[in-house]
Amino acid sequence: MSIRSNVISEIRQIGVETNKELPPLTDDLALLDSGLDSLAIAILVARVEDALGIDPFTESGDISYPVTLGDFIRFYENAPRLSDVDSRQAG
């Protein structure tokens, strides 16, 4: 499953679990308008990290955070996998 598919799937699952009706999940959708509160976003981040082995929030030197869904997905697509980071730190 691609990163995009995984993120979209997790957002939809969180929407179901929290009984939230979500807007269309397009790249230009602002995360603040996604229907997910801060706890739901934290759950999303944890689930995506578990599924993909990627945590761009702790590995990124970039201090800007994603604003739109498209930004969020690209943030993950451009992040190193945790296994890559672990192997660099071990060496």
Protein backbone atom coordinates (compact mmCIF):
# COMPACT_ATOMS: atom_id res chain seq x y z
CA MET A 1 0.00 0.00 0.00
CA SER A 2 1.40 3.43 -0.91
CA ILE A 3 1.98 6.13 1.67
CA ARG A 4 -0.91 8.15 0.20
CA SER A 5 -3.27 5.19 0.37
CA ASN A 6 -2.21 4.36 3.90
CA VAL A 7 -2.73 7.92 5.16
CA ILE A 8 -6.14 8.23 3.47
CA SER A 9 -7.21 4.83 4.79
CA GLU A 10 -6.17 5.72 8.35
CA ILE A 11 -7.99 9.07 8.19
CA ARG A 12 -11.17 7.36 7.03
CA GLN A 13 -10.83 4.72 9.78
CA ILE A 14 -10.38 7.41 12.44
CA GLY A 15 -13.43 9.21 11.04
CA VAL A 16 -15.47 6.02 11.44
CA GLU A 17 -14.15 5.38 14.95
CA THR A 18 -14.95 8.93 16.08
CA ASN A 19 -18.27 9.15 14.22
CA LYS A 20 -17.05 12.16 12.23
CA GLU A 21 -18.28 12.89 8.77
CA LEU A 22 -15.19 13.89 6.85
CA PRO A 23 -15.03 16.22 3.86
CA PRO A 24 -13.58 14.98 0.56
CA LEU A 25 -9.93 14.12 1.24
CA THR A 26 -8.16 16.18 -1.40
CA ASP A 27 -4.57 17.42 -1.44
CA ASP A 28 -5.65 21.01 -0.86
CA LEU A 29 -7.81 20.22 2.18
CA ALA A 30 -6.47 22.13 5.19
CA LEU A 31 -5.77 19.75 8.07
CA LEU A 32 -7.68 22.15 10.35
CA ASP A 33 -10.73 21.62 8.11
CA SER A 34 -10.35 17.84 7.88
CA GLY A 35 -12.75 17.09 10.72
CA LEU A 36 -9.94 15.61 12.82
CA ASP A 37 -9.09 17.22 16.14
CA SER A 38 -5.59 17.29 17.64
CA LEU A 39 -6.05 13.92 19.34
CA ALA A 40 -7.20 12.34 16.07
CA ILE A 41 -4.18 13.83 14.27
CA ALA A 42 -1.89 12.37 16.97
CA ILE A 43 -3.55 8.98 16.50
CA LEU A 44 -3.09 9.29 12.74
CA VAL A 45 0.61 10.07 13.14
CA ALA A 46 1.11 7.09 15.49
CA ARG A 47 -0.74 4.69 13.19
CA VAL A 48 1.11 5.82 10.07
CA GLU A 49 4.42 5.48 11.91
CA ASP A 50 3.49 1.95 13.02
CA ALA A 51 2.34 0.94 9.54
CA LEU A 52 5.15 2.49 7.53
CA GLY A 53 8.07 2.85 9.93
CA ILE A 54 8.28 6.56 9.19
CA ASP A 55 8.30 9.41 11.72
CA PRO A 56 9.10 12.64 9.88
CA PHE A 57 8.23 14.78 12.90
CA THR A 58 11.24 13.64 14.93
CA GLU A 59 13.60 12.97 12.03
CA SER A 60 13.01 16.15 10.05
CA GLY A 61 15.29 19.13 10.44
CA ASP A 62 12.55 21.11 8.74
CA ILE A 63 10.67 23.24 11.27
CA SER A 64 7.63 23.81 9.07
CA TYR A 65 4.72 21.46 9.61
CA PRO A 66 2.20 20.34 7.00
CA VAL A 67 -0.83 22.58 6.53
CA THR A 68 -2.81 20.62 3.94
CA LEU A 69 -3.48 16.93 3.46
CA GLY A 70 -1.20 17.00 0.42
CA ASP A 71 1.58 18.57 2.54
CA PHE A 72 1.04 15.89 5.19
CA ILE A 73 1.34 13.07 2.65
CA ARG A 74 4.45 14.60 1.02
CA PHE A 75 5.97 15.06 4.49
CA TYR A 76 5.82 11.26 4.87
CA GLU A 77 6.82 10.52 1.28
CA ASN A 78 9.99 12.60 1.68
CA ALA A 79 10.95 11.32 5.15
CA PRO A 80 13.56 8.62 5.74
CA ARG A 81 12.27 5.32 7.05
CA LEU A 82 13.12 4.65 10.69
CA SER A 83 15.18 1.63 9.65
CA ASP A 84 17.31 3.90 7.44
CA VAL A 85 17.87 6.32 10.33
CA ASP A 86 18.70 3.47 12.75
CA SER A 87 21.30 2.03 10.38
CA ARG A 88 22.97 5.45 9.96
CA GLN A 89 23.09 5.97 13.73
CA ALA A 90 24.58 2.50 14.28
CA GLY A 91 27.42 3.21 11.85
